[in-house]
Amino acid sequence: MKITIEIDPEEEKILRRRAKKNLMTLKEQVEDIIRRSCVNFKKIKYRKIKVDDKLVAIFSRERRGRRRKIN
């Protein structure tokens, strides 16, 4: 399959640097990023909070997303 994307020159520069660091070409690096994203997406399963009290369920929130880096 062929997909065409347009990226800024700054983004390309960053991707090229990252590809060079990983001993890959730019194309291989982009394919690797997409592949990893798809693999990680399959692993994520969101569960609803099961709570008896409806008020707790309404005002509670689930923690999702990446963890914050603490400096």
N, C-alpha and C. Protein backbone atom coordinates (compact mmCIF):
# COMPACT_ATOMS: atom_id res chain seq x y z
N MET A 1 0.84 -1.16 0.00
CA MET A 1 0.00 0.00 0.00
C MET A 1 0.89 1.23 0.00
N LYS A 2 0.43 2.26 -0.64
CA LYS A 2 1.19 3.49 -0.72
C LYS A 2 0.41 4.62 -0.07
N ILE A 3 1.08 5.35 0.82
CA ILE A 3 0.47 6.50 1.49
C ILE A 3 1.39 7.69 1.31
N THR A 4 0.83 8.82 0.96
CA THR A 4 1.61 10.03 0.79
C THR A 4 1.29 10.99 1.91
N ILE A 5 2.33 11.49 2.58
CA ILE A 5 2.14 12.49 3.63
C ILE A 5 3.04 13.69 3.34
N GLU A 6 2.65 14.81 3.87
CA GLU A 6 3.45 16.02 3.69
C GLU A 6 3.90 16.48 5.07
N ILE A 7 5.21 16.65 5.23
CA ILE A 7 5.73 17.11 6.52
C ILE A 7 6.58 18.36 6.30
N ASP A 8 6.68 19.14 7.34
CA ASP A 8 7.47 20.37 7.29
C ASP A 8 8.96 20.03 7.21
N PRO A 9 9.77 20.95 6.71
CA PRO A 9 11.21 20.71 6.66
C PRO A 9 11.82 20.48 8.05
N GLU A 10 11.29 21.16 9.08
CA GLU A 10 11.80 20.95 10.44
C GLU A 10 11.52 19.54 10.92
N GLU A 11 10.31 19.06 10.63
CA GLU A 11 9.94 17.70 11.03
C GLU A 11 10.79 16.67 10.29
N GLU A 12 11.04 16.93 9.03
CA GLU A 12 11.88 16.03 8.23
C GLU A 12 13.29 15.98 8.80
N LYS A 13 13.79 17.12 9.20
CA LYS A 13 15.13 17.20 9.79
C LYS A 13 15.21 16.34 11.06
N ILE A 14 14.18 16.45 11.90
CA ILE A 14 14.14 15.67 13.14
C ILE A 14 14.06 14.18 12.83
N LEU A 15 13.20 13.82 11.87
CA LEU A 15 13.05 12.41 11.51
C LEU A 15 14.34 11.85 10.91
N ARG A 16 15.01 12.64 10.09
CA ARG A 16 16.28 12.17 9.51
C ARG A 16 17.33 11.94 10.60
N ARG A 17 17.40 12.85 11.56
CA ARG A 17 18.33 12.69 12.66
C ARG A 17 18.03 11.41 13.46
N ARG A 18 16.74 11.21 13.74
CA ARG A 18 16.31 10.03 14.48
C ARG A 18 16.60 8.75 13.69
N ALA A 19 16.39 8.78 12.37
CA ALA A 19 16.66 7.61 11.52
C ALA A 19 18.15 7.31 11.50
N LYS A 20 18.96 8.36 11.41
CA LYS A 20 20.42 8.16 11.39
C LYS A 20 20.88 7.53 12.70
N LYS A 21 20.32 7.99 13.81
CA LYS A 21 20.66 7.47 15.12
C LYS A 21 20.30 5.98 15.23
N ASN A 22 19.17 5.58 14.60
CA ASN A 22 18.71 4.20 14.63
C ASN A 22 19.23 3.36 13.47
N LEU A 23 20.15 3.92 12.70
CA LEU A 23 20.75 3.24 11.54
C LEU A 23 19.69 2.80 10.53
N MET A 24 18.77 3.70 10.23
CA MET A 24 17.70 3.44 9.27
C MET A 24 17.65 4.56 8.25
N THR A 25 16.91 4.31 7.17
CA THR A 25 16.63 5.38 6.23
C THR A 25 15.40 6.12 6.75
N LEU A 26 15.12 7.25 6.12
CA LEU A 26 13.96 8.03 6.53
C LEU A 26 12.67 7.22 6.34
N LYS A 27 12.56 6.53 5.23
CA LYS A 27 11.38 5.71 4.95
C LYS A 27 11.23 4.60 5.99
N GLU A 28 12.31 3.92 6.32
CA GLU A 28 12.26 2.85 7.31
C GLU A 28 11.85 3.39 8.68
N GLN A 29 12.35 4.57 9.03
CA GLN A 29 12.02 5.18 10.32
C GLN A 29 10.53 5.49 10.41
N VAL A 30 9.96 6.06 9.36
CA VAL A 30 8.54 6.38 9.35
C VAL A 30 7.71 5.09 9.43
N GLU A 31 8.11 4.07 8.69
CA GLU A 31 7.41 2.78 8.74
C GLU A 31 7.47 2.19 10.14
N ASP A 32 8.62 2.31 10.80
CA ASP A 32 8.78 1.79 12.15
C ASP A 32 7.87 2.53 13.14
N ILE A 33 7.79 3.83 13.01
CA ILE A 33 6.93 4.64 13.89
C ILE A 33 5.47 4.23 13.72
N ILE A 34 5.04 4.07 12.48
CA ILE A 34 3.65 3.68 12.21
C ILE A 34 3.38 2.27 12.72
N ARG A 35 4.32 1.36 12.50
CA ARG A 35 4.16 -0.03 12.96
C ARG A 35 4.02 -0.08 14.48
N ARG A 36 4.91 0.63 15.18
CA ARG A 36 4.85 0.64 16.65
C ARG A 36 3.55 1.24 17.15
N SER A 37 3.08 2.27 16.48
CA SER A 37 1.83 2.91 16.87
C SER A 37 0.67 1.92 16.74
N CYS A 38 0.65 1.17 15.66
CA CYS A 38 -0.42 0.18 15.44
C CYS A 38 -0.35 -0.94 16.48
N VAL A 39 0.84 -1.40 16.81
CA VAL A 39 0.99 -2.46 17.80
C VAL A 39 0.52 -1.99 19.16
N ASN A 40 0.89 -0.77 19.54
CA ASN A 40 0.49 -0.24 20.84
C ASN A 40 -1.00 0.04 20.90
N PHE A 41 -1.60 0.39 19.78
CA PHE A 41 -3.03 0.66 19.74
C PHE A 41 -3.82 -0.61 20.02
N LYS A 42 -3.35 -1.74 19.51
CA LYS A 42 -4.04 -3.01 19.73
C LYS A 42 -4.03 -3.41 21.20
N LYS A 43 -2.99 -3.07 21.93
CA LYS A 43 -2.84 -3.46 23.32
C LYS A 43 -3.77 -2.70 24.25
N ILE A 44 -4.12 -1.48 23.88
CA ILE A 44 -4.89 -0.61 24.77
C ILE A 44 -6.34 -1.06 24.81
N LYS A 45 -6.82 -1.33 25.99
CA LYS A 45 -8.22 -1.67 26.19
C LYS A 45 -8.73 -0.79 27.33
N TYR A 46 -9.72 -0.01 27.04
CA TYR A 46 -10.27 0.88 28.05
C TYR A 46 -11.38 0.16 28.80
N ARG A 47 -11.34 0.29 30.11
CA ARG A 47 -12.37 -0.32 30.94
C ARG A 47 -13.17 0.80 31.60
N LYS A 48 -14.44 0.57 31.70
CA LYS A 48 -15.28 1.52 32.42
C LYS A 48 -15.13 1.28 33.90
N ILE A 49 -15.23 2.34 34.67
CA ILE A 49 -15.18 2.22 36.12
C ILE A 49 -16.51 1.62 36.59
N LYS A 50 -16.44 0.55 37.34
CA LYS A 50 -17.65 -0.07 37.87
C LYS A 50 -17.81 0.39 39.32
N VAL A 51 -18.78 1.27 39.51
CA VAL A 51 -19.03 1.83 40.84
C VAL A 51 -20.51 1.73 41.13
N ASP A 52 -20.83 1.39 42.38
CA ASP A 52 -22.24 1.29 42.78
C ASP A 52 -22.90 2.66 42.90
N ASP A 53 -22.14 3.64 43.37
CA ASP A 53 -22.69 4.97 43.60
C ASP A 53 -22.63 5.77 42.30
N LYS A 54 -23.77 6.24 41.81
CA LYS A 54 -23.81 6.97 40.54
C LYS A 54 -23.10 8.31 40.62
N LEU A 55 -23.16 8.99 41.76
CA LEU A 55 -22.47 10.27 41.89
C LEU A 55 -20.96 10.10 41.78
N VAL A 56 -20.43 9.04 42.37
CA VAL A 56 -18.99 8.78 42.26
C VAL A 56 -18.63 8.51 40.81
N ALA A 57 -19.46 7.76 40.11
CA ALA A 57 -19.19 7.46 38.71
C ALA A 57 -19.22 8.72 37.85
N ILE A 58 -20.12 9.64 38.16
CA ILE A 58 -20.23 10.87 37.38
C ILE A 58 -19.02 11.77 37.58
N PHE A 59 -18.56 11.90 38.84
CA PHE A 59 -17.49 12.85 39.14
C PHE A 59 -16.10 12.23 39.14
N SER A 60 -16.00 10.94 38.90
CA SER A 60 -14.68 10.31 38.82
C SER A 60 -14.24 10.29 37.37
N ARG A 61 -12.96 10.31 37.16
CA ARG A 61 -12.45 10.21 35.80
C ARG A 61 -11.36 9.17 35.75
N GLU A 62 -11.22 8.56 34.59
CA GLU A 62 -10.19 7.56 34.40
C GLU A 62 -8.91 8.25 33.96
N ARG A 63 -7.80 7.72 34.39
CA ARG A 63 -6.53 8.26 33.95
C ARG A 63 -6.15 7.56 32.66
N ARG A 64 -6.00 8.34 31.61
CA ARG A 64 -5.64 7.80 30.30
C ARG A 64 -4.48 8.59 29.75
N GLY A 65 -3.83 8.02 28.75
CA GLY A 65 -2.76 8.73 28.08
C GLY A 65 -1.41 8.43 28.69
N ARG A 66 -0.43 9.14 28.22
CA ARG A 66 0.94 8.94 28.69
C ARG A 66 1.12 9.51 30.08
N ARG A 67 2.04 8.92 30.81
CA ARG A 67 2.37 9.48 32.11
C ARG A 67 3.23 10.72 31.93
N ARG A 68 3.05 11.68 32.83
CA ARG A 68 3.86 12.89 32.76
C ARG A 68 5.27 12.58 33.22
N LYS A 69 6.23 13.21 32.57
CA LYS A 69 7.63 13.07 33.00
C LYS A 69 7.86 14.03 34.13
N ILE A 70 8.43 13.52 35.21
CA ILE A 70 8.75 14.35 36.37
C ILE A 70 10.22 14.70 36.30
N ASN A 71 10.49 15.99 36.27
CA ASN A 71 11.90 16.43 36.18
C ASN A 71 12.51 16.56 37.54
